[in-house]
Protein backbone atom coordinates (compact mmCIF):
# COMPACT_ATOMS: atom_id res chain seq x y z
CA MET A 1 40.25 -8.27 -7.41
CA ASP A 2 42.68 -5.59 -6.83
CA GLY A 3 44.89 -4.33 -9.79
CA LYS A 4 47.36 -2.65 -7.31
CA LYS A 5 48.96 -6.00 -6.14
CA ARG A 6 51.42 -7.63 -8.21
CA THR A 7 50.34 -11.04 -6.79
CA ASN A 8 46.61 -10.66 -8.21
CA ILE A 9 48.03 -10.21 -11.95
CA LYS A 10 49.02 -13.16 -14.05
CA PRO A 11 49.88 -13.90 -17.40
CA GLY A 12 46.48 -14.53 -19.59
CA LEU A 13 44.20 -12.34 -17.24
CA HIS A 14 41.59 -10.49 -18.66
CA VAL A 15 41.87 -6.84 -17.75
CA ASN A 16 41.12 -3.24 -18.16
CA ILE A 17 44.10 -0.83 -18.34
CA VAL A 18 44.60 2.54 -18.47
CA GLN A 19 47.18 3.64 -20.98
CA LYS A 20 49.98 6.70 -20.36
CA GLN A 21 48.09 8.93 -23.04
CA ASP A 22 44.71 7.91 -21.65
CA GLN A 23 45.34 8.97 -17.86
CA ARG A 24 43.85 12.31 -18.45
CA SER A 25 40.66 11.05 -19.94
CA GLY A 26 40.55 7.66 -18.01
CA GLU A 27 39.92 5.71 -21.15
CA LEU A 28 40.20 1.95 -20.52
CA THR A 29 41.78 -0.57 -22.82
CA GLU A 30 40.36 -4.17 -22.74
CA GLY A 31 42.92 -7.11 -22.96
CA TYR A 32 44.94 -10.09 -21.85
CA VAL A 33 47.93 -9.80 -19.90
CA GLN A 34 50.99 -10.75 -21.81
CA ASP A 35 53.74 -9.42 -19.34
CA ILE A 36 54.05 -7.73 -16.06
CA LEU A 37 56.19 -4.79 -15.82
CA THR A 38 56.24 -3.80 -12.53
CA ASN A 39 58.78 -5.12 -10.19
CA SER A 40 57.47 -4.14 -6.74
CA PRO A 41 54.82 -6.15 -5.18
CA ASN A 42 52.44 -3.13 -5.03
CA HIS A 43 51.59 0.13 -6.80
CA PRO A 44 49.23 2.86 -6.07
CA HIS A 45 48.22 3.49 -9.52
CA GLY A 46 47.95 0.00 -10.46
CA ILE A 47 50.59 -2.71 -11.85
CA LYS A 48 52.21 -2.09 -14.95
CA VAL A 49 51.50 -4.66 -17.73
CA ARG A 50 52.04 -5.28 -21.33
CA LEU A 51 48.97 -6.85 -23.43
CA GLU A 52 48.70 -9.43 -25.72
CA THR A 53 48.06 -6.96 -28.56
CA GLY A 54 51.05 -5.06 -27.14
CA GLU A 55 49.55 -2.10 -25.53
CA VAL A 56 51.10 -1.09 -21.88
CA GLY A 57 49.53 0.39 -19.23
CA ARG A 58 48.34 0.11 -15.39
CA VAL A 59 45.85 -2.21 -14.39
CA GLN A 60 42.55 -0.61 -13.37
CA GLU A 61 40.41 -3.85 -12.95
CA ILE A 62 40.42 -7.18 -13.26
CA LEU A 63 37.55 -8.90 -15.45
CA PRO A 64 35.59 -11.96 -14.47
CA GLU A 65 36.35 -14.87 -16.72
CA ASP A 66 33.30 -16.07 -18.55
């Protein structure tokens, strides 16, 4: 699924995000979505979310549930 479309993102979803300070290195942070912070229906760099751990970043990939 595409992390650039807001309709694909829901609270509780397992995702990889890139945080602002990691954009150059491309380091991904794995976690579960708590809040969706982007209001527009899509975003070219990924929908911005807050994870349950408090980290904020843009969704790069949606991980499959086990």
